[in-house]
Amino acid sequence: MDEGFRDDSNPYQGVLQALLLLLQEDKEVVEKQIAQSVNMEEFRHD
């Protein structure tokens, strides 16, 4: 009866974990890009 509450049978558990990993990876990439752009542009504003 409680199959819907089991983590093993939850189809969204893996999806949520994958999204969290993607968000973490994207955050690292964005931070690197921001650091590079800041170093190259030296805080210039368009």
PDB file of N, CA and C in Angstrom:
ATOM      1  N   MET A   1       0.815  -1.206   0.000  1.00  0.00           N
ATOM      2  CA  MET A   1       0.000   0.000   0.000  1.00  0.00           C
ATOM      3  C   MET A   1       0.857   1.269   0.000  1.00  0.00           C
ATOM      4  N   ASP A   2       2.022   1.198   0.660  1.00  0.00           N
ATOM      5  CA  ASP A   2       2.852   2.395   0.785  1.00  0.00           C
ATOM      6  C   ASP A   2       4.001   2.383  -0.212  1.00  0.00           C
ATOM      7  N   GLU A   3       3.775   1.767  -1.361  1.00  0.00           N
ATOM      8  CA  GLU A   3       4.855   1.715  -2.363  1.00  0.00           C
ATOM      9  C   GLU A   3       5.214   3.120  -2.844  1.00  0.00           C
ATOM     10  N   GLY A   4       4.234   4.023  -2.880  1.00  0.00           N
ATOM     11  CA  GLY A   4       4.490   5.371  -3.370  1.00  0.00           C
ATOM     12  C   GLY A   4       5.418   6.158  -2.467  1.00  0.00           C
ATOM     13  N   PHE A   5       5.547   5.720  -1.197  1.00  0.00           N
ATOM     14  CA  PHE A   5       6.378   6.464  -0.261  1.00  0.00           C
ATOM     15  C   PHE A   5       7.782   5.884  -0.146  1.00  0.00           C
ATOM     16  N   ARG A   6       8.028   4.776  -0.831  1.00  0.00           N
ATOM     17  CA  ARG A   6       9.366   4.175  -0.787  1.00  0.00           C
ATOM     18  C   ARG A   6      10.298   4.888  -1.746  1.00  0.00           C
ATOM     19  N   ASP A   7      11.515   5.176  -1.303  1.00  0.00           N
ATOM     20  CA  ASP A   7      12.466   5.881  -2.147  1.00  0.00           C
ATOM     21  C   ASP A   7      12.809   5.051  -3.381  1.00  0.00           C
ATOM     22  N   ASP A   8      12.856   3.726  -3.215  1.00  0.00           N
ATOM     23  CA  ASP A   8      13.226   2.858  -4.336  1.00  0.00           C
ATOM     24  C   ASP A   8      12.197   2.941  -5.454  1.00  0.00           C
ATOM     25  N   SER A   9      10.922   3.129  -5.103  1.00  0.00           N
ATOM     26  CA  SER A   9       9.873   3.132  -6.109  1.00  0.00           C
ATOM     27  C   SER A   9       9.498   4.553  -6.527  1.00  0.00           C
ATOM     28  N   ASN A  10      10.169   5.538  -5.963  1.00  0.00           N
ATOM     29  CA  ASN A  10       9.846   6.934  -6.295  1.00  0.00           C
ATOM     30  C   ASN A  10      10.537   7.308  -7.604  1.00  0.00           C
ATOM     31  N   PRO A  11       9.789   7.491  -8.684  1.00  0.00           N
ATOM     32  CA  PRO A  11      10.405   7.776  -9.984  1.00  0.00           C
ATOM     33  C   PRO A  11      11.064   9.152 -10.040  1.00  0.00           C
ATOM     34  N   TYR A  12      10.710  10.015  -9.098  1.00  0.00           N
ATOM     35  CA  TYR A  12      11.262  11.373  -9.126  1.00  0.00           C
ATOM     36  C   TYR A  12      12.525  11.513  -8.288  1.00  0.00           C
ATOM     37  N   GLN A  13      12.838  10.494  -7.461  1.00  0.00           N
ATOM     38  CA  GLN A  13      13.998  10.597  -6.583  1.00  0.00           C
ATOM     39  C   GLN A  13      15.274  10.766  -7.409  1.00  0.00           C
ATOM     40  N   GLY A  14      15.473   9.889  -8.399  1.00  0.00           N
ATOM     41  CA  GLY A  14      16.670   9.974  -9.232  1.00  0.00           C
ATOM     42  C   GLY A  14      16.697  11.269 -10.028  1.00  0.00           C
ATOM     43  N   VAL A  15      15.511  11.696 -10.484  1.00  0.00           N
ATOM     44  CA  VAL A  15      15.450  12.931 -11.275  1.00  0.00           C
ATOM     45  C   VAL A  15      15.872  14.122 -10.426  1.00  0.00           C
ATOM     46  N   LEU A  16      15.361  14.170  -9.189  1.00  0.00           N
ATOM     47  CA  LEU A  16      15.718  15.286  -8.310  1.00  0.00           C
ATOM     48  C   LEU A  16      17.214  15.284  -8.020  1.00  0.00           C
ATOM     49  N   GLN A  17      17.771  14.108  -7.773  1.00  0.00           N
ATOM     50  CA  GLN A  17      19.209  14.027  -7.489  1.00  0.00           C
ATOM     51  C   GLN A  17      20.006  14.474  -8.707  1.00  0.00           C
ATOM     52  N   ALA A  18      19.563  14.062  -9.901  1.00  0.00           N
ATOM     53  CA  ALA A  18      20.266  14.447 -11.121  1.00  0.00           C
ATOM     54  C   ALA A  18      20.185  15.962 -11.316  1.00  0.00           C
ATOM     55  N   LEU A  19      19.010  16.546 -11.060  1.00  0.00           N
ATOM     56  CA  LEU A  19      18.865  17.995 -11.206  1.00  0.00           C
ATOM     57  C   LEU A  19      19.766  18.729 -10.222  1.00  0.00           C
ATOM     58  N   LEU A  20      19.850  18.221  -8.988  1.00  0.00           N
ATOM     59  CA  LEU A  20      20.716  18.866  -7.993  1.00  0.00           C
ATOM     60  C   LEU A  20      22.170  18.806  -8.452  1.00  0.00           C
ATOM     61  N   LEU A  21      22.586  17.665  -9.006  1.00  0.00           N
ATOM     62  CA  LEU A  21      23.965  17.544  -9.482  1.00  0.00           C
ATOM     63  C   LEU A  21      24.196  18.524 -10.635  1.00  0.00           C
ATOM     64  N   LEU A  22      23.225  18.622 -11.540  1.00  0.00           N
ATOM     65  CA  LEU A  22      23.374  19.539 -12.674  1.00  0.00           C
ATOM     66  C   LEU A  22      23.456  20.974 -12.178  1.00  0.00           C
ATOM     67  N   LEU A  23      22.606  21.323 -11.197  1.00  0.00           N
ATOM     68  CA  LEU A  23      22.633  22.690 -10.672  1.00  0.00           C
ATOM     69  C   LEU A  23      23.983  22.982 -10.027  1.00  0.00           C
ATOM     70  N   GLN A  24      24.524  22.016  -9.289  1.00  0.00           N
ATOM     71  CA  GLN A  24      25.821  22.221  -8.646  1.00  0.00           C
ATOM     72  C   GLN A  24      26.910  22.396  -9.707  1.00  0.00           C
ATOM     73  N   GLU A  25      26.865  21.553 -10.755  1.00  0.00           N
ATOM     74  CA  GLU A  25      27.867  21.656 -11.807  1.00  0.00           C
ATOM     75  C   GLU A  25      27.731  22.991 -12.538  1.00  0.00           C
ATOM     76  N   ASP A  26      26.484  23.372 -12.850  1.00  0.00           N
ATOM     77  CA  ASP A  26      26.260  24.647 -13.529  1.00  0.00           C
ATOM     78  C   ASP A  26      26.759  25.796 -12.666  1.00  0.00           C
ATOM     79  N   LYS A  27      26.546  25.712 -11.374  1.00  0.00           N
ATOM     80  CA  LYS A  27      26.981  26.778 -10.476  1.00  0.00           C
ATOM     81  C   LYS A  27      28.497  26.914 -10.532  1.00  0.00           C
ATOM     82  N   GLU A  28      29.197  25.782 -10.528  1.00  0.00           N
ATOM     83  CA  GLU A  28      30.661  25.830 -10.586  1.00  0.00           C
ATOM     84  C   GLU A  28      31.107  26.438 -11.910  1.00  0.00           C
ATOM     85  N   VAL A  29      30.467  26.023 -13.000  1.00  0.00           N
ATOM     86  CA  VAL A  29      30.836  26.546 -14.313  1.00  0.00           C
ATOM     87  C   VAL A  29      30.567  28.040 -14.384  1.00  0.00           C
ATOM     88  N   VAL A  30      29.401  28.451 -13.887  1.00  0.00           N
ATOM     89  CA  VAL A  30      29.043  29.879 -13.918  1.00  0.00           C
ATOM     90  C   VAL A  30      30.029  30.684 -13.077  1.00  0.00           C
ATOM     91  N   GLU A  31      30.377  30.149 -11.906  1.00  0.00           N
ATOM     92  CA  GLU A  31      31.324  30.874 -11.046  1.00  0.00           C
ATOM     93  C   GLU A  31      32.665  31.025 -11.747  1.00  0.00           C
ATOM     94  N   LYS A  32      33.109  29.979 -12.453  1.00  0.00           N
ATOM     95  CA  LYS A  32      34.380  30.068 -13.180  1.00  0.00           C
ATOM     96  C   LYS A  32      34.276  31.096 -14.298  1.00  0.00           C
ATOM     97  N   GLN A  33      33.153  31.082 -15.028  1.00  0.00           N
ATOM     98  CA  GLN A  33      32.966  32.044 -16.115  1.00  0.00           C
ATOM     99  C   GLN A  33      32.926  33.466 -15.576  1.00  0.00           C
ATOM    100  N   ILE A  34      32.244  33.650 -14.448  1.00  0.00           N
ATOM    101  CA  ILE A  34      32.177  34.992 -13.847  1.00  0.00           C
ATOM    102  C   ILE A  34      33.573  35.437 -13.427  1.00  0.00           C
ATOM    103  N   ALA A  35      34.326  34.545 -12.816  1.00  0.00           N
ATOM    104  CA  ALA A  35      35.677  34.898 -12.373  1.00  0.00           C
ATOM    105  C   ALA A  35      36.530  35.282 -13.575  1.00  0.00           C
ATOM    106  N   GLN A  36      36.427  34.515 -14.652  1.00  0.00           N
ATOM    107  CA  GLN A  36      37.219  34.818 -15.842  1.00  0.00           C
ATOM    108  C   GLN A  36      36.793  36.156 -16.443  1.00  0.00           C
ATOM    109  N   SER A  37      35.477  36.394 -16.543  1.00  0.00           N
ATOM    110  CA  SER A  37      34.992  37.631 -17.146  1.00  0.00           C
ATOM    111  C   SER A  37      35.381  38.824 -16.278  1.00  0.00           C
ATOM    112  N   VAL A  38      35.339  38.651 -14.960  1.00  0.00           N
ATOM    113  CA  VAL A  38      35.714  39.749 -14.067  1.00  0.00           C
ATOM    114  C   VAL A  38      37.205  40.046 -14.219  1.00  0.00           C
ATOM    115  N   ASN A  39      38.015  39.014 -14.301  1.00  0.00           N
ATOM    116  CA  ASN A  39      39.451  39.220 -14.440  1.00  0.00           C
ATOM    117  C   ASN A  39      39.779  39.873 -15.779  1.00  0.00           C
ATOM    118  N   MET A  40      39.022  39.514 -16.829  1.00  0.00           N
ATOM    119  CA  MET A  40      39.306  40.046 -18.155  1.00  0.00           C
ATOM    120  C   MET A  40      38.751  41.460 -18.316  1.00  0.00           C
ATOM    121  N   GLU A  41      37.549  41.689 -17.802  1.00  0.00           N
ATOM    122  CA  GLU A  41      36.899  42.984 -18.005  1.00  0.00           C
ATOM    123  C   GLU A  41      37.250  43.984 -16.921  1.00  0.00           C
ATOM    124  N   GLU A  42      37.758  43.508 -15.800  1.00  0.00           N
ATOM    125  CA  GLU A  42      38.117  44.385 -14.688  1.00  0.00           C
ATOM    126  C   GLU A  42      36.940  45.248 -14.255  1.00  0.00           C
ATOM    127  N   PHE A  43      35.781  44.607 -14.010  1.00  0.00           N
ATOM    128  CA  PHE A  43      34.590  45.281 -13.487  1.00  0.00           C
ATOM    129  C   PHE A  43      34.088  46.395 -14.412  1.00  0.00           C
ATOM    130  N   ARG A  44      34.290  46.267 -15.715  1.00  0.00           N
ATOM    131  CA  ARG A  44      33.728  47.263 -16.630  1.00  0.00           C
ATOM    132  C   ARG A  44      32.228  47.030 -16.781  1.00  0.00           C
ATOM    133  N   HIS A  45      31.447  48.088 -16.850  1.00  0.00           N
ATOM    134  CA  HIS A  45      30.007  47.971 -17.032  1.00  0.00           C
ATOM    135  C   HIS A  45      29.638  48.408 -18.438  1.00  0.00           C
ATOM    136  N   ASP A  46      28.767  47.616 -19.074  1.00  0.00           N
ATOM    137  CA  ASP A  46      28.348  47.984 -20.438  1.00  0.00           C
ATOM    138  C   ASP A  46      27.425  49.184 -20.408  1.00  0.00           C
TER     139      ASP A  46
END
